[in-house]
Amino acid sequence: MSVPFKKETPVRLREMFSSEYKLITILPSWSSFEYHEAVEAELVETVWEAVLTNSEIKEYPEEMLEAEIDELYAYYQKGAEIYEMEFDVFLDEVMGLTEEAFVANLQIAAETNVKNDLIVDLICEKEKISLTEEEMLEAEEELAKEMGYEDVASMMEDAGEDAVEKYIMRDIVKEWLVENCIQVND
């Protein structure tokens, strides 16, 4: 009998010896570098989630929300085109959503994305976090490589320059937050 598990997740199994159970822990064969990277990634996401949870947007800028909704809508329309389906059929058969549910989800996703952007912009402004043009180019090249693109131009064509720069700045802010947070045990 095989037990499915992800490499990056420690797994607990019960192994039977006669009529007794013995608890064993199987840990992935990580190098100390891989383990450190996994812990760091978890810390980054935990800190970012804390910032998001403890931040409130009193009023969303209407232009930003509309632009984000339009961008998300275009993304899903492109998905329907890839599947060679009418949009309403795509929503129903691929996404399992009615148009009303899709629009509601789109609004929530847009608000989440705009909230992320506003928080990143505010932290960058208050903490004077920025990249030089050269640093941004290096970050774009690294991101294109990580995402499996042949080059930056291909990535920019798919995602758009604005989205790529937002993604990069969000990562930089997340790293800054981790470096400057105070960790406490619950």
N, C-alpha and C. Protein backbone atom coordinates (compact mmCIF):
# COMPACT_ATOMS: atom_id res chain seq x y z
N MET A 1 0.85 -1.17 0.00
CA MET A 1 0.00 0.00 0.00
C MET A 1 0.89 1.23 0.00
N SER A 2 0.64 2.14 -0.93
CA SER A 2 1.44 3.37 -0.97
C SER A 2 0.65 4.50 -0.36
N VAL A 3 1.37 5.43 0.25
CA VAL A 3 0.75 6.59 0.87
C VAL A 3 1.22 7.81 0.10
N PRO A 4 0.29 8.51 -0.57
CA PRO A 4 0.71 9.68 -1.34
C PRO A 4 1.09 10.83 -0.41
N PHE A 5 2.18 11.50 -0.73
CA PHE A 5 2.55 12.71 -0.01
C PHE A 5 3.42 13.58 -0.88
N LYS A 6 3.37 14.86 -0.56
CA LYS A 6 4.21 15.80 -1.29
C LYS A 6 5.60 15.77 -0.68
N LYS A 7 6.59 15.92 -1.52
CA LYS A 7 7.97 15.89 -1.06
C LYS A 7 8.21 16.92 0.04
N GLU A 8 7.60 18.10 -0.11
CA GLU A 8 7.91 19.16 0.82
C GLU A 8 7.14 19.09 2.14
N THR A 9 6.27 18.13 2.29
CA THR A 9 5.44 18.04 3.48
C THR A 9 5.84 16.84 4.33
N PRO A 10 6.21 17.07 5.61
CA PRO A 10 6.46 15.93 6.48
C PRO A 10 5.19 15.10 6.61
N VAL A 11 5.34 13.80 6.63
CA VAL A 11 4.18 12.91 6.64
C VAL A 11 4.27 11.99 7.85
N ARG A 12 3.14 11.83 8.50
CA ARG A 12 3.08 10.89 9.62
C ARG A 12 2.31 9.66 9.17
N LEU A 13 2.87 8.52 9.42
CA LEU A 13 2.23 7.26 9.04
C LEU A 13 2.10 6.37 10.27
N ARG A 14 1.12 5.53 10.22
CA ARG A 14 1.02 4.50 11.25
C ARG A 14 1.42 3.20 10.59
N GLU A 15 2.36 2.55 11.21
CA GLU A 15 2.86 1.30 10.66
C GLU A 15 2.48 0.19 11.65
N MET A 16 1.88 -0.86 11.16
CA MET A 16 1.40 -1.90 12.04
C MET A 16 2.46 -2.99 12.24
N PHE A 17 2.72 -3.27 13.47
CA PHE A 17 3.57 -4.40 13.84
C PHE A 17 2.71 -5.30 14.71
N SER A 18 2.39 -6.45 14.20
CA SER A 18 1.42 -7.36 14.80
C SER A 18 0.15 -6.60 15.12
N SER A 19 -0.22 -6.46 16.38
CA SER A 19 -1.48 -5.78 16.68
C SER A 19 -1.24 -4.38 17.25
N GLU A 20 0.01 -3.92 17.25
CA GLU A 20 0.31 -2.60 17.80
C GLU A 20 0.59 -1.61 16.68
N TYR A 21 0.35 -0.38 16.97
CA TYR A 21 0.70 0.68 16.02
C TYR A 21 1.91 1.43 16.55
N LYS A 22 2.84 1.69 15.67
CA LYS A 22 4.01 2.46 16.05
C LYS A 22 3.99 3.72 15.17
N LEU A 23 4.05 4.89 15.78
CA LEU A 23 4.03 6.13 15.04
C LEU A 23 5.45 6.43 14.54
N ILE A 24 5.57 6.64 13.25
CA ILE A 24 6.87 7.01 12.70
C ILE A 24 6.70 8.28 11.88
N THR A 25 7.76 9.00 11.74
CA THR A 25 7.73 10.23 10.94
C THR A 25 8.68 10.04 9.78
N ILE A 26 8.16 10.31 8.60
CA ILE A 26 8.99 10.25 7.41
C ILE A 26 9.19 11.68 6.95
N LEU A 27 10.41 12.13 6.92
CA LEU A 27 10.72 13.47 6.46
C LEU A 27 11.35 13.39 5.09
N PRO A 28 11.07 14.35 4.25
CA PRO A 28 11.68 14.34 2.93
C PRO A 28 13.19 14.45 3.03
N SER A 29 13.87 13.98 2.04
CA SER A 29 15.32 14.06 2.06
C SER A 29 15.74 15.43 1.52
N TRP A 30 15.67 16.41 2.37
CA TRP A 30 16.03 17.77 2.01
C TRP A 30 17.46 18.03 2.37
N SER A 31 18.10 18.86 1.61
CA SER A 31 19.38 19.39 2.04
C SER A 31 19.05 20.50 3.04
N SER A 32 20.02 20.93 3.81
CA SER A 32 19.75 22.00 4.77
C SER A 32 19.36 23.28 4.03
N PHE A 33 19.88 23.49 2.83
CA PHE A 33 19.52 24.64 2.02
C PHE A 33 18.05 24.59 1.63
N GLU A 34 17.58 23.43 1.15
CA GLU A 34 16.17 23.28 0.76
C GLU A 34 15.25 23.48 1.96
N TYR A 35 15.65 22.95 3.11
CA TYR A 35 14.86 23.10 4.32
C TYR A 35 14.78 24.58 4.70
N HIS A 36 15.92 25.26 4.67
CA HIS A 36 15.95 26.69 5.00
C HIS A 36 15.06 27.48 4.04
N GLU A 37 15.13 27.15 2.76
CA GLU A 37 14.30 27.84 1.77
C GLU A 37 12.82 27.62 2.04
N ALA A 38 12.44 26.41 2.41
CA ALA A 38 11.03 26.11 2.69
C ALA A 38 10.55 26.87 3.92
N VAL A 39 11.37 26.91 4.95
CA VAL A 39 11.01 27.64 6.17
C VAL A 39 10.91 29.13 5.87
N GLU A 40 11.86 29.64 5.10
CA GLU A 40 11.84 31.06 4.73
C GLU A 40 10.59 31.41 3.93
N ALA A 41 10.23 30.56 2.97
CA ALA A 41 9.03 30.80 2.15
C ALA A 41 7.78 30.82 3.03
N GLU A 42 7.71 29.91 3.98
CA GLU A 42 6.55 29.87 4.88
C GLU A 42 6.49 31.12 5.74
N LEU A 43 7.64 31.57 6.22
CA LEU A 43 7.69 32.79 7.03
C LEU A 43 7.25 34.00 6.21
N VAL A 44 7.73 34.10 4.98
CA VAL A 44 7.35 35.21 4.10
C VAL A 44 5.83 35.25 3.93
N GLU A 45 5.23 34.11 3.63
CA GLU A 45 3.78 34.08 3.42
C GLU A 45 3.01 34.34 4.70
N THR A 46 3.52 33.86 5.83
CA THR A 46 2.86 34.10 7.11
C THR A 46 2.86 35.58 7.46
N VAL A 47 4.00 36.22 7.28
CA VAL A 47 4.11 37.65 7.57
C VAL A 47 3.20 38.45 6.63
N TRP A 48 3.22 38.09 5.34
CA TRP A 48 2.38 38.82 4.37
C TRP A 48 0.90 38.65 4.70
N GLU A 49 0.49 37.44 5.06
CA GLU A 49 -0.91 37.21 5.44
C GLU A 49 -1.28 38.03 6.67
N ALA A 50 -0.35 38.17 7.62
CA ALA A 50 -0.62 38.98 8.80
C ALA A 50 -0.81 40.44 8.42
N VAL A 51 0.01 40.93 7.51
CA VAL A 51 -0.13 42.31 7.05
C VAL A 51 -1.48 42.49 6.36
N LEU A 52 -1.85 41.58 5.47
CA LEU A 52 -3.13 41.67 4.77
C LEU A 52 -4.30 41.62 5.73
N THR A 53 -4.24 40.70 6.67
CA THR A 53 -5.33 40.52 7.63
C THR A 53 -5.51 41.75 8.51
N ASN A 54 -4.40 42.37 8.86
CA ASN A 54 -4.46 43.52 9.78
C ASN A 54 -4.51 44.86 9.07
N SER A 55 -4.73 44.84 7.77
CA SER A 55 -4.84 46.08 6.99
C SER A 55 -6.27 46.22 6.49
N GLU A 56 -6.76 47.43 6.55
CA GLU A 56 -8.12 47.69 6.08
C GLU A 56 -8.09 48.80 5.04
N ILE A 57 -8.73 48.55 3.93
CA ILE A 57 -8.88 49.57 2.91
C ILE A 57 -10.25 50.20 3.13
N LYS A 58 -10.26 51.45 3.47
CA LYS A 58 -11.54 52.11 3.77
C LYS A 58 -12.34 52.37 2.50
N GLU A 59 -11.65 52.71 1.44
CA GLU A 59 -12.34 52.93 0.17
C GLU A 59 -11.39 52.57 -0.97
N TYR A 60 -11.85 51.69 -1.82
CA TYR A 60 -11.03 51.26 -2.95
C TYR A 60 -11.10 52.31 -4.05
N PRO A 61 -9.95 52.70 -4.60
CA PRO A 61 -9.97 53.64 -5.73
C PRO A 61 -10.71 53.00 -6.91
N GLU A 62 -11.77 53.66 -7.35
CA GLU A 62 -12.65 53.10 -8.37
C GLU A 62 -11.89 52.78 -9.66
N GLU A 63 -10.97 53.65 -10.06
CA GLU A 63 -10.20 53.41 -11.29
C GLU A 63 -9.37 52.13 -11.19
N MET A 64 -8.75 51.94 -10.04
CA MET A 64 -7.93 50.73 -9.84
C MET A 64 -8.80 49.48 -9.89
N LEU A 65 -9.95 49.55 -9.21
CA LEU A 65 -10.85 48.39 -9.18
C LEU A 65 -11.36 48.06 -10.58
N GLU A 66 -11.78 49.07 -11.32
CA GLU A 66 -12.28 48.84 -12.67
C GLU A 66 -11.20 48.26 -13.57
N ALA A 67 -9.98 48.79 -13.46
CA ALA A 67 -8.87 48.29 -14.28
C ALA A 67 -8.56 46.83 -13.93
N GLU A 68 -8.61 46.51 -12.65
CA GLU A 68 -8.32 45.13 -12.22
C GLU A 68 -9.42 44.18 -12.68
N ILE A 69 -10.66 44.61 -12.58
CA ILE A 69 -11.78 43.79 -13.04
C ILE A 69 -11.66 43.54 -14.54
N ASP A 70 -11.34 44.59 -15.28
CA ASP A 70 -11.17 44.45 -16.74
C ASP A 70 -10.04 43.48 -17.06
N GLU A 71 -8.93 43.59 -16.33
CA GLU A 71 -7.78 42.70 -16.57
C GLU A 71 -8.13 41.24 -16.25
N LEU A 72 -8.82 41.02 -15.14
CA LEU A 72 -9.21 39.66 -14.78
C LEU A 72 -10.22 39.10 -15.77
N TYR A 73 -11.16 39.92 -16.17
CA TYR A 73 -12.18 39.49 -17.13
C TYR A 73 -11.51 39.08 -18.45
N ALA A 74 -10.56 39.90 -18.90
CA ALA A 74 -9.84 39.59 -20.15
C ALA A 74 -9.06 38.28 -20.02
N TYR A 75 -8.50 38.05 -18.84
CA TYR A 75 -7.76 36.81 -18.59
C TYR A 75 -8.67 35.59 -18.77
N TYR A 76 -9.86 35.65 -18.20
CA TYR A 76 -10.78 34.51 -18.30
C TYR A 76 -11.38 34.40 -19.70
N GLN A 77 -11.57 35.52 -20.37
CA GLN A 77 -12.03 35.46 -21.76
C GLN A 77 -10.99 34.76 -22.62
N LYS A 78 -9.72 35.05 -22.35
CA LYS A 78 -8.64 34.39 -23.07
C LYS A 78 -8.68 32.88 -22.81
N GLY A 79 -9.01 32.50 -21.58
CA GLY A 79 -9.16 31.08 -21.25
C GLY A 79 -10.25 30.43 -22.07
N ALA A 80 -11.36 31.13 -22.23
CA ALA A 80 -12.46 30.61 -23.05
C ALA A 80 -12.01 30.44 -24.50
N GLU A 81 -11.23 31.39 -24.99
CA GLU A 81 -10.72 31.30 -26.36
C GLU A 81 -9.79 30.10 -26.52
N ILE A 82 -8.95 29.88 -25.54
CA ILE A 82 -8.02 28.74 -25.58
C ILE A 82 -8.81 27.43 -25.65
N TYR A 83 -9.90 27.35 -24.88
CA TYR A 83 -10.76 26.17 -24.90
C TYR A 83 -11.71 26.15 -26.10
N GLU A 84 -11.65 27.22 -26.88
CA GLU A 84 -12.53 27.37 -28.04
C GLU A 84 -14.00 27.23 -27.65
N MET A 85 -14.38 27.99 -26.63
CA MET A 85 -15.74 27.96 -26.11
C MET A 85 -16.30 29.37 -26.03
N GLU A 86 -17.63 29.45 -26.10
CA GLU A 86 -18.29 30.70 -25.78
C GLU A 86 -18.05 30.96 -24.30
N PHE A 87 -18.00 32.23 -23.93
CA PHE A 87 -17.65 32.58 -22.56
C PHE A 87 -18.60 31.99 -21.52
N ASP A 88 -19.91 32.07 -21.77
CA ASP A 88 -20.88 31.53 -20.80
C ASP A 88 -20.75 30.02 -20.65
N VAL A 89 -20.42 29.33 -21.74
CA VAL A 89 -20.21 27.88 -21.69
C VAL A 89 -18.94 27.57 -20.91
N PHE A 90 -17.90 28.35 -21.14
CA PHE A 90 -16.64 28.20 -20.41
C PHE A 90 -16.86 28.36 -18.91
N LEU A 91 -17.61 29.40 -18.54
CA LEU A 91 -17.89 29.62 -17.12
C LEU A 91 -18.61 28.42 -16.52
N ASP A 92 -19.60 27.92 -17.23
CA ASP A 92 -20.40 26.82 -16.72
C ASP A 92 -19.63 25.51 -16.69
N GLU A 93 -19.05 25.13 -17.82
CA GLU A 93 -18.45 23.79 -17.94
C GLU A 93 -17.04 23.70 -17.37
N VAL A 94 -16.24 24.72 -17.53
CA VAL A 94 -14.85 24.65 -17.05
C VAL A 94 -14.73 25.16 -15.63
N MET A 95 -15.36 26.28 -15.35
CA MET A 95 -15.23 26.88 -14.03
C MET A 95 -16.35 26.48 -13.07
N GLY A 96 -17.42 25.95 -13.61
CA GLY A 96 -18.53 25.54 -12.75
C GLY A 96 -19.24 26.71 -12.09
N LEU A 97 -19.30 27.85 -12.79
CA LEU A 97 -19.90 29.06 -12.22
C LEU A 97 -20.99 29.62 -13.14
N THR A 98 -21.97 30.21 -12.50
CA THR A 98 -22.92 31.02 -13.27
C THR A 98 -22.25 32.36 -13.52
N GLU A 99 -22.81 33.14 -14.43
CA GLU A 99 -22.21 34.45 -14.69
C GLU A 99 -22.29 35.34 -13.45
N GLU A 100 -23.38 35.23 -12.69
CA GLU A 100 -23.53 36.03 -11.47
C GLU A 100 -22.46 35.66 -10.44
N ALA A 101 -22.23 34.37 -10.26
CA ALA A 101 -21.20 33.93 -9.32
C ALA A 101 -19.82 34.36 -9.79
N PHE A 102 -19.60 34.28 -11.10
CA PHE A 102 -18.32 34.70 -11.66
C PHE A 102 -18.08 36.18 -11.39
N VAL A 103 -19.09 37.01 -11.63
CA VAL A 103 -18.95 38.46 -11.41
C VAL A 103 -18.67 38.74 -9.93
N ALA A 104 -19.34 38.03 -9.03
CA ALA A 104 -19.11 38.21 -7.59
C ALA A 104 -17.67 37.81 -7.23
N ASN A 105 -17.21 36.68 -7.76
CA ASN A 105 -15.84 36.24 -7.51
C ASN A 105 -14.83 37.21 -8.10
N LEU A 106 -15.16 37.76 -9.26
CA LEU A 106 -14.29 38.73 -9.92
C LEU A 106 -14.12 39.97 -9.05
N GLN A 107 -15.21 40.43 -8.45
CA GLN A 107 -15.16 41.60 -7.58
C GLN A 107 -14.26 41.33 -6.37
N ILE A 108 -14.42 40.16 -5.77
CA ILE A 108 -13.60 39.80 -4.60
C ILE A 108 -12.13 39.72 -5.00
N ALA A 109 -11.83 39.07 -6.11
CA ALA A 109 -10.45 38.94 -6.57
C ALA A 109 -9.86 40.30 -6.89
N ALA A 110 -10.64 41.17 -7.51
CA ALA A 110 -10.15 42.51 -7.84
C ALA A 110 -9.84 43.30 -6.57
N GLU A 111 -10.73 43.23 -5.59
CA GLU A 111 -10.49 43.93 -4.32
C GLU A 111 -9.24 43.39 -3.63
N THR A 112 -9.05 42.08 -3.66
CA THR A 112 -7.86 41.48 -3.05
C THR A 112 -6.60 41.96 -3.75
N ASN A 113 -6.61 41.96 -5.07
CA ASN A 113 -5.43 42.39 -5.82
C ASN A 113 -5.14 43.88 -5.60
N VAL A 114 -6.19 44.69 -5.59
CA VAL A 114 -6.00 46.12 -5.37
C VAL A 114 -5.49 46.36 -3.95
N LYS A 115 -6.01 45.62 -2.99
CA LYS A 115 -5.53 45.75 -1.60
C LYS A 115 -4.04 45.42 -1.55
N ASN A 116 -3.64 44.34 -2.18
CA ASN A 116 -2.22 43.98 -2.23
C ASN A 116 -1.40 45.14 -2.81
N ASP A 117 -1.86 45.66 -3.93
CA ASP A 117 -1.14 46.74 -4.61
C ASP A 117 -1.04 47.99 -3.74
N LEU A 118 -2.14 48.36 -3.10
CA LEU A 118 -2.13 49.55 -2.26
C LEU A 118 -1.19 49.40 -1.07
N ILE A 119 -1.20 48.22 -0.47
CA ILE A 119 -0.31 47.97 0.67
C ILE A 119 1.15 48.03 0.23
N VAL A 120 1.45 47.38 -0.89
CA VAL A 120 2.82 47.41 -1.41
C VAL A 120 3.24 48.85 -1.70
N ASP A 121 2.38 49.60 -2.38
CA ASP A 121 2.71 50.99 -2.72
C ASP A 121 2.95 51.83 -1.46
N LEU A 122 2.10 51.64 -0.45
CA LEU A 122 2.25 52.41 0.79
C LEU A 122 3.55 52.06 1.51
N ILE A 123 3.84 50.78 1.62
CA ILE A 123 5.08 50.38 2.30
C ILE A 123 6.29 50.88 1.52
N CYS A 124 6.26 50.77 0.21
CA CYS A 124 7.37 51.29 -0.61
C CYS A 124 7.56 52.79 -0.39
N GLU A 125 6.45 53.50 -0.35
CA GLU A 125 6.52 54.95 -0.15
C GLU A 125 7.06 55.30 1.23
N LYS A 126 6.48 54.69 2.27
CA LYS A 126 6.85 55.03 3.65
C LYS A 126 8.28 54.58 3.99
N GLU A 127 8.68 53.46 3.44
CA GLU A 127 10.01 52.91 3.77
C GLU A 127 11.05 53.19 2.69
N LYS A 128 10.63 53.97 1.69
CA LYS A 128 11.53 54.37 0.59
C LYS A 128 12.19 53.15 -0.07
N ILE A 129 11.34 52.17 -0.39
CA ILE A 129 11.79 50.96 -1.08
C ILE A 129 11.59 51.17 -2.57
N SER A 130 12.66 51.02 -3.31
CA SER A 130 12.56 51.18 -4.76
C SER A 130 13.70 50.40 -5.42
N LEU A 131 13.57 50.24 -6.70
CA LEU A 131 14.62 49.59 -7.48
C LEU A 131 15.10 50.55 -8.55
N THR A 132 16.39 50.49 -8.81
CA THR A 132 16.90 51.24 -9.95
C THR A 132 16.45 50.53 -11.21
N GLU A 133 16.59 51.17 -12.32
CA GLU A 133 16.21 50.56 -13.59
C GLU A 133 17.01 49.27 -13.81
N GLU A 134 18.29 49.31 -13.46
CA GLU A 134 19.15 48.13 -13.62
C GLU A 134 18.70 46.98 -12.71
N GLU A 135 18.35 47.31 -11.46
CA GLU A 135 17.88 46.29 -10.53
C GLU A 135 16.56 45.68 -11.01
N MET A 136 15.67 46.52 -11.57
CA MET A 136 14.40 46.02 -12.08
C MET A 136 14.65 45.08 -13.26
N LEU A 137 15.56 45.44 -14.15
CA LEU A 137 15.88 44.58 -15.29
C LEU A 137 16.42 43.23 -14.82
N GLU A 138 17.30 43.25 -13.82
CA GLU A 138 17.82 42.00 -13.26
C GLU A 138 16.70 41.17 -12.65
N ALA A 139 15.81 41.81 -11.91
CA ALA A 139 14.69 41.10 -11.28
C ALA A 139 13.76 40.53 -12.35
N GLU A 140 13.54 41.26 -13.42
CA GLU A 140 12.69 40.77 -14.51
C GLU A 140 13.32 39.54 -15.17
N GLU A 141 14.63 39.59 -15.38
CA GLU A 141 15.32 38.45 -15.98
C GLU A 141 15.23 37.21 -15.08
N GLU A 142 15.43 37.42 -13.79
CA GLU A 142 15.34 36.32 -12.83
C GLU A 142 13.93 35.74 -12.79
N LEU A 143 12.93 36.60 -12.79
CA LEU A 143 11.55 36.14 -12.75
C LEU A 143 11.19 35.38 -14.03
N ALA A 144 11.61 35.90 -15.16
CA ALA A 144 11.33 35.21 -16.44
C ALA A 144 11.92 33.80 -16.41
N LYS A 145 13.12 33.68 -15.89
CA LYS A 145 13.77 32.38 -15.79
C LYS A 145 13.00 31.45 -14.84
N GLU A 146 12.63 31.99 -13.67
CA GLU A 146 11.86 31.20 -12.69
C GLU A 146 10.54 30.71 -13.26
N MET A 147 9.90 31.55 -14.07
CA MET A 147 8.58 31.24 -14.62
C MET A 147 8.66 30.41 -15.90
N GLY A 148 9.87 30.11 -16.34
CA GLY A 148 10.04 29.24 -17.50
C GLY A 148 9.94 29.93 -18.85
N TYR A 149 10.09 31.23 -18.88
CA TYR A 149 10.06 31.95 -20.14
C TYR A 149 11.44 31.94 -20.78
N GLU A 150 11.45 32.00 -22.11
CA GLU A 150 12.71 32.07 -22.84
C GLU A 150 13.42 33.39 -22.57
N ASP A 151 12.62 34.45 -22.45
CA ASP A 151 13.19 35.77 -22.24
C ASP A 151 12.16 36.69 -21.57
N VAL A 152 12.63 37.86 -21.19
CA VAL A 152 11.76 38.83 -20.51
C VAL A 152 10.65 39.30 -21.44
N ALA A 153 10.96 39.49 -22.71
CA ALA A 153 9.96 39.98 -23.66
C ALA A 153 8.75 39.05 -23.74
N SER A 154 9.00 37.74 -23.72
CA SER A 154 7.89 36.77 -23.77
C SER A 154 7.03 36.88 -22.52
N MET A 155 7.69 37.04 -21.37
CA MET A 155 6.95 37.18 -20.11
C MET A 155 6.13 38.46 -20.14
N MET A 156 6.73 39.54 -20.60
CA MET A 156 6.03 40.82 -20.65
C MET A 156 4.83 40.76 -21.59
N GLU A 157 4.98 40.03 -22.68
CA GLU A 157 3.88 39.89 -23.63
C GLU A 157 2.70 39.16 -22.99
N ASP A 158 3.00 38.11 -22.22
CA ASP A 158 1.94 37.34 -21.57
C ASP A 158 1.31 38.08 -20.40
N ALA A 159 2.15 38.66 -19.54
CA ALA A 159 1.64 39.21 -18.28
C ALA A 159 1.45 40.72 -18.32
N GLY A 160 2.24 41.40 -19.10
CA GLY A 160 2.20 42.87 -19.11
C GLY A 160 3.24 43.43 -18.16
N GLU A 161 3.84 44.53 -18.58
CA GLU A 161 4.92 45.15 -17.80
C GLU A 161 4.46 45.56 -16.40
N ASP A 162 3.28 46.15 -16.32
CA ASP A 162 2.77 46.61 -15.03
C ASP A 162 2.60 45.45 -14.05
N ALA A 163 2.02 44.35 -14.51
CA ALA A 163 1.81 43.19 -13.65
C ALA A 163 3.15 42.60 -13.18
N VAL A 164 4.12 42.55 -14.08
CA VAL A 164 5.44 42.00 -13.73
C VAL A 164 6.10 42.87 -12.67
N GLU A 165 6.06 44.18 -12.87
CA GLU A 165 6.68 45.08 -11.90
C GLU A 165 5.98 45.02 -10.54
N LYS A 166 4.64 44.91 -10.55
CA LYS A 166 3.90 44.77 -9.29
C LYS A 166 4.32 43.49 -8.57
N TYR A 167 4.44 42.41 -9.32
CA TYR A 167 4.83 41.12 -8.74
C TYR A 167 6.22 41.22 -8.10
N ILE A 168 7.14 41.84 -8.81
CA ILE A 168 8.50 41.99 -8.30
C ILE A 168 8.52 42.85 -7.04
N MET A 169 7.82 43.97 -7.08
CA MET A 169 7.80 44.86 -5.92
C MET A 169 7.11 44.20 -4.73
N ARG A 170 6.09 43.40 -4.99
CA ARG A 170 5.42 42.69 -3.90
C ARG A 170 6.40 41.73 -3.22
N ASP A 171 7.19 41.03 -4.02
CA ASP A 171 8.18 40.12 -3.43
C ASP A 171 9.23 40.87 -2.63
N ILE A 172 9.65 42.01 -3.13
CA ILE A 172 10.65 42.81 -2.42
C ILE A 172 10.08 43.31 -1.10
N VAL A 173 8.84 43.76 -1.10
CA VAL A 173 8.19 44.22 0.13
C VAL A 173 8.04 43.06 1.12
N LYS A 174 7.65 41.90 0.62
CA LYS A 174 7.52 40.73 1.50
C LYS A 174 8.85 40.42 2.18
N GLU A 175 9.93 40.45 1.42
CA GLU A 175 11.26 40.20 2.00
C GLU A 175 11.61 41.27 3.01
N TRP A 176 11.29 42.53 2.70
CA TRP A 176 11.57 43.62 3.62
C TRP A 176 10.79 43.40 4.93
N LEU A 177 9.54 43.01 4.81
CA LEU A 177 8.72 42.77 5.99
C LEU A 177 9.32 41.67 6.87
N VAL A 178 9.79 40.60 6.26
CA VAL A 178 10.38 39.51 7.03
C VAL A 178 11.64 39.99 7.74
N GLU A 179 12.45 40.76 7.05
CA GLU A 179 13.68 41.27 7.65
C GLU A 179 13.41 42.24 8.80
N ASN A 180 12.25 42.88 8.77
CA ASN A 180 11.96 43.92 9.76
C ASN A 180 10.85 43.55 10.74
N CYS A 181 10.35 42.32 10.67
CA CYS A 181 9.28 41.93 11.59
C CYS A 181 9.87 41.44 12.90
N ILE A 182 9.05 41.47 13.91
CA ILE A 182 9.42 40.90 15.20
C ILE A 182 8.59 39.64 15.38
N GLN A 183 9.29 38.52 15.48
CA GLN A 183 8.58 37.25 15.59
C GLN A 183 8.31 36.92 17.05
N VAL A 184 7.08 36.51 17.33
CA VAL A 184 6.70 36.11 18.66
C VAL A 184 6.05 34.74 18.61
N ASN A 185 6.18 34.00 19.67
CA ASN A 185 5.52 32.70 19.76
C ASN A 185 4.16 32.87 20.38
N ASP A 186 3.18 32.17 19.85
CA ASP A 186 1.82 32.25 20.41
C ASP A 186 1.73 31.48 21.68
